[in-house]
Amino acid sequence: MSVQARTDERVFLVVVDESPEMRNALRYACRRAKRTGGRVAMLYVMDPPEAQQWGAVVELMREEARQQAELVVAKHADIAVSLTGQPPSIYIREGKSRDELAKLLAED
């Protein structure tokens, strides 16, 4: 599924991180989505764990990172719901932010 659910629906994508600017970007996207009848999409990109000798350690690190990502996104998703009245589309990926953003935008 692409970021744009319908061809006539506007989707305002916010890359979620812990920067102070992200809150402003989220509020702006929510206001625009509500005003135009669009939707908000949120992308959180986790850093891949560093290569480890033991696969179980890497999987544990990945699981912990995913749990943290879900907590961060849930906090911001609640704000989006309160401002727009509808839940945002949520994407949690692992990799480099620029690469994952490009992949998300290219999905059909």
C-alpha atoms as a PDB file:
ATOM      1  CA  MET A   1       0.000   0.000   0.000  1.00  0.00           C
ATOM      2  CA  SER A   2       1.384   3.359  -0.908  1.00  0.00           C
ATOM      3  CA  VAL A   3       1.448   6.428   1.286  1.00  0.00           C
ATOM      4  CA  GLN A   4      -1.397   7.788  -0.798  1.00  0.00           C
ATOM      5  CA  ALA A   5      -4.375   5.488  -0.154  1.00  0.00           C
ATOM      6  CA  ARG A   6      -6.605   6.953  -2.875  1.00  0.00           C
ATOM      7  CA  THR A   7      -5.497   9.021  -5.817  1.00  0.00           C
ATOM      8  CA  ASP A   8      -7.812  11.886  -4.820  1.00  0.00           C
ATOM      9  CA  GLU A   9      -6.843  11.884  -1.138  1.00  0.00           C
ATOM     10  CA  ARG A  10      -4.039  14.054   0.152  1.00  0.00           C
ATOM     11  CA  VAL A  11      -1.617  12.372   2.507  1.00  0.00           C
ATOM     12  CA  PHE A  12       0.684  14.418   4.694  1.00  0.00           C
ATOM     13  CA  LEU A  13       3.735  12.380   5.644  1.00  0.00           C
ATOM     14  CA  VAL A  14       5.601  13.118   8.859  1.00  0.00           C
ATOM     15  CA  VAL A  15       8.929  11.477   9.618  1.00  0.00           C
ATOM     16  CA  VAL A  16       8.794  10.731  13.336  1.00  0.00           C
ATOM     17  CA  ASP A  17      11.843  11.310  15.493  1.00  0.00           C
ATOM     18  CA  GLU A  18      12.544  12.906  18.839  1.00  0.00           C
ATOM     19  CA  SER A  19      13.502  16.340  17.499  1.00  0.00           C
ATOM     20  CA  PRO A  20      11.606  19.404  18.743  1.00  0.00           C
ATOM     21  CA  GLU A  21      10.781  20.289  15.126  1.00  0.00           C
ATOM     22  CA  MET A  22       8.898  17.036  14.634  1.00  0.00           C
ATOM     23  CA  ARG A  23       6.058  18.156  16.922  1.00  0.00           C
ATOM     24  CA  ASN A  24       5.584  21.301  14.847  1.00  0.00           C
ATOM     25  CA  ALA A  25       5.652  19.275  11.633  1.00  0.00           C
ATOM     26  CA  LEU A  26       3.058  16.889  13.035  1.00  0.00           C
ATOM     27  CA  ARG A  27       0.732  19.679  14.118  1.00  0.00           C
ATOM     28  CA  TYR A  28       1.084  21.374  10.730  1.00  0.00           C
ATOM     29  CA  ALA A  29       0.380  18.115   8.854  1.00  0.00           C
ATOM     30  CA  CYS A  30      -2.663  17.453  11.048  1.00  0.00           C
ATOM     31  CA  ARG A  31      -4.090  20.915  10.469  1.00  0.00           C
ATOM     32  CA  ARG A  32      -3.568  20.609   6.708  1.00  0.00           C
ATOM     33  CA  ALA A  33      -5.070  17.108   6.625  1.00  0.00           C
ATOM     34  CA  LYS A  34      -8.143  18.191   8.556  1.00  0.00           C
ATOM     35  CA  ARG A  35      -8.621  21.327   6.464  1.00  0.00           C
ATOM     36  CA  THR A  36      -8.282  19.498   3.126  1.00  0.00           C
ATOM     37  CA  GLY A  37     -10.014  16.229   4.017  1.00  0.00           C
ATOM     38  CA  GLY A  38      -6.701  14.401   3.807  1.00  0.00           C
ATOM     39  CA  ARG A  39      -4.908  11.960   6.060  1.00  0.00           C
ATOM     40  CA  VAL A  40      -1.700  11.910   8.059  1.00  0.00           C
ATOM     41  CA  ALA A  41       0.924   9.200   7.592  1.00  0.00           C
ATOM     42  CA  MET A  42       3.789   8.704  10.011  1.00  0.00           C
ATOM     43  CA  LEU A  43       7.138   7.076   9.225  1.00  0.00           C
ATOM     44  CA  TYR A  44       9.558   6.005  11.940  1.00  0.00           C
ATOM     45  CA  VAL A  45      12.891   4.570  10.816  1.00  0.00           C
ATOM     46  CA  MET A  46      14.895   2.477  13.270  1.00  0.00           C
ATOM     47  CA  ASP A  47      18.656   2.248  12.960  1.00  0.00           C
ATOM     48  CA  PRO A  48      19.693  -1.304  12.104  1.00  0.00           C
ATOM     49  CA  PRO A  49      21.570  -3.053  14.920  1.00  0.00           C
ATOM     50  CA  GLU A  50      25.299  -3.317  14.492  1.00  0.00           C
ATOM     51  CA  ALA A  51      26.457  -6.708  13.299  1.00  0.00           C
ATOM     52  CA  GLN A  52      26.997  -9.043  16.199  1.00  0.00           C
ATOM     53  CA  GLN A  53      28.581 -12.418  16.371  1.00  0.00           C
ATOM     54  CA  TRP A  54      25.482 -13.971  17.911  1.00  0.00           C
ATOM     55  CA  GLY A  55      22.205 -13.798  16.002  1.00  0.00           C
ATOM     56  CA  ALA A  56      20.092 -13.976  19.163  1.00  0.00           C
ATOM     57  CA  VAL A  57      21.640 -10.744  20.430  1.00  0.00           C
ATOM     58  CA  VAL A  58      20.853  -8.974  17.157  1.00  0.00           C
ATOM     59  CA  GLU A  59      17.245 -10.165  17.290  1.00  0.00           C
ATOM     60  CA  LEU A  60      16.886  -8.994  20.896  1.00  0.00           C
ATOM     61  CA  MET A  61      18.288  -5.586  19.956  1.00  0.00           C
ATOM     62  CA  ARG A  62      15.914  -5.414  16.992  1.00  0.00           C
ATOM     63  CA  GLU A  63      12.928  -6.341  19.184  1.00  0.00           C
ATOM     64  CA  GLU A  64      13.819  -3.720  21.791  1.00  0.00           C
ATOM     65  CA  ALA A  65      14.224  -1.071  19.100  1.00  0.00           C
ATOM     66  CA  ARG A  66      10.827  -2.022  17.640  1.00  0.00           C
ATOM     67  CA  GLN A  67       9.162  -1.719  21.046  1.00  0.00           C
ATOM     68  CA  GLN A  68      10.708   1.715  21.558  1.00  0.00           C
ATOM     69  CA  ALA A  69       9.622   2.779  18.066  1.00  0.00           C
ATOM     70  CA  GLU A  70       6.057   1.676  18.755  1.00  0.00           C
ATOM     71  CA  LEU A  71       5.970   3.682  22.003  1.00  0.00           C
ATOM     72  CA  VAL A  72       7.256   6.832  20.296  1.00  0.00           C
ATOM     73  CA  VAL A  73       4.883   6.497  17.353  1.00  0.00           C
ATOM     74  CA  ALA A  74       1.882   5.735  19.594  1.00  0.00           C
ATOM     75  CA  LYS A  75       2.486   8.935  21.558  1.00  0.00           C
ATOM     76  CA  HIS A  76       2.492  11.006  18.373  1.00  0.00           C
ATOM     77  CA  ALA A  77      -0.376   9.042  16.807  1.00  0.00           C
ATOM     78  CA  ASP A  78      -2.547   9.996  19.778  1.00  0.00           C
ATOM     79  CA  ILE A  79      -1.832  13.652  19.030  1.00  0.00           C
ATOM     80  CA  ALA A  80      -2.733  13.115  15.367  1.00  0.00           C
ATOM     81  CA  VAL A  81      -6.032  11.481  16.321  1.00  0.00           C
ATOM     82  CA  SER A  82      -6.904  14.324  18.677  1.00  0.00           C
ATOM     83  CA  LEU A  83      -6.163  16.934  15.996  1.00  0.00           C
ATOM     84  CA  THR A  84      -7.697  15.209  12.964  1.00  0.00           C
ATOM     85  CA  GLY A  85     -10.305  12.863  14.390  1.00  0.00           C
ATOM     86  CA  GLN A  86      -8.864   9.895  12.514  1.00  0.00           C
ATOM     87  CA  PRO A  87      -5.932   7.550  13.056  1.00  0.00           C
ATOM     88  CA  PRO A  88      -2.803   8.105  10.974  1.00  0.00           C
ATOM     89  CA  SER A  89      -1.252   5.500   8.730  1.00  0.00           C
ATOM     90  CA  ILE A  90       1.831   4.214  10.540  1.00  0.00           C
ATOM     91  CA  TYR A  91       4.987   2.843   8.980  1.00  0.00           C
ATOM     92  CA  ILE A  92       7.869   1.526  11.067  1.00  0.00           C
ATOM     93  CA  ARG A  93      10.931   0.553   9.069  1.00  0.00           C
ATOM     94  CA  GLU A  94      14.537  -0.393   9.721  1.00  0.00           C
ATOM     95  CA  GLY A  95      17.399   1.123   7.761  1.00  0.00           C
ATOM     96  CA  LYS A  96      18.573   4.565   6.725  1.00  0.00           C
ATOM     97  CA  SER A  97      15.890   7.254   6.872  1.00  0.00           C
ATOM     98  CA  ARG A  98      16.478   8.563   3.362  1.00  0.00           C
ATOM     99  CA  ASP A  99      16.389   5.068   1.834  1.00  0.00           C
ATOM    100  CA  GLU A 100      13.271   4.002   3.707  1.00  0.00           C
ATOM    101  CA  LEU A 101      11.488   7.236   2.841  1.00  0.00           C
ATOM    102  CA  ALA A 102      12.274   6.741  -0.843  1.00  0.00           C
ATOM    103  CA  LYS A 103      11.042   3.130  -0.700  1.00  0.00           C
ATOM    104  CA  LEU A 104       7.803   4.168   0.993  1.00  0.00           C
ATOM    105  CA  LEU A 105       7.092   6.850  -1.570  1.00  0.00           C
ATOM    106  CA  ALA A 106       7.789   4.431  -4.419  1.00  0.00           C
ATOM    107  CA  GLU A 107       5.453   1.684  -3.160  1.00  0.00           C
ATOM    108  CA  ASP A 108       2.359   0.990  -5.206  1.00  0.00           C
END
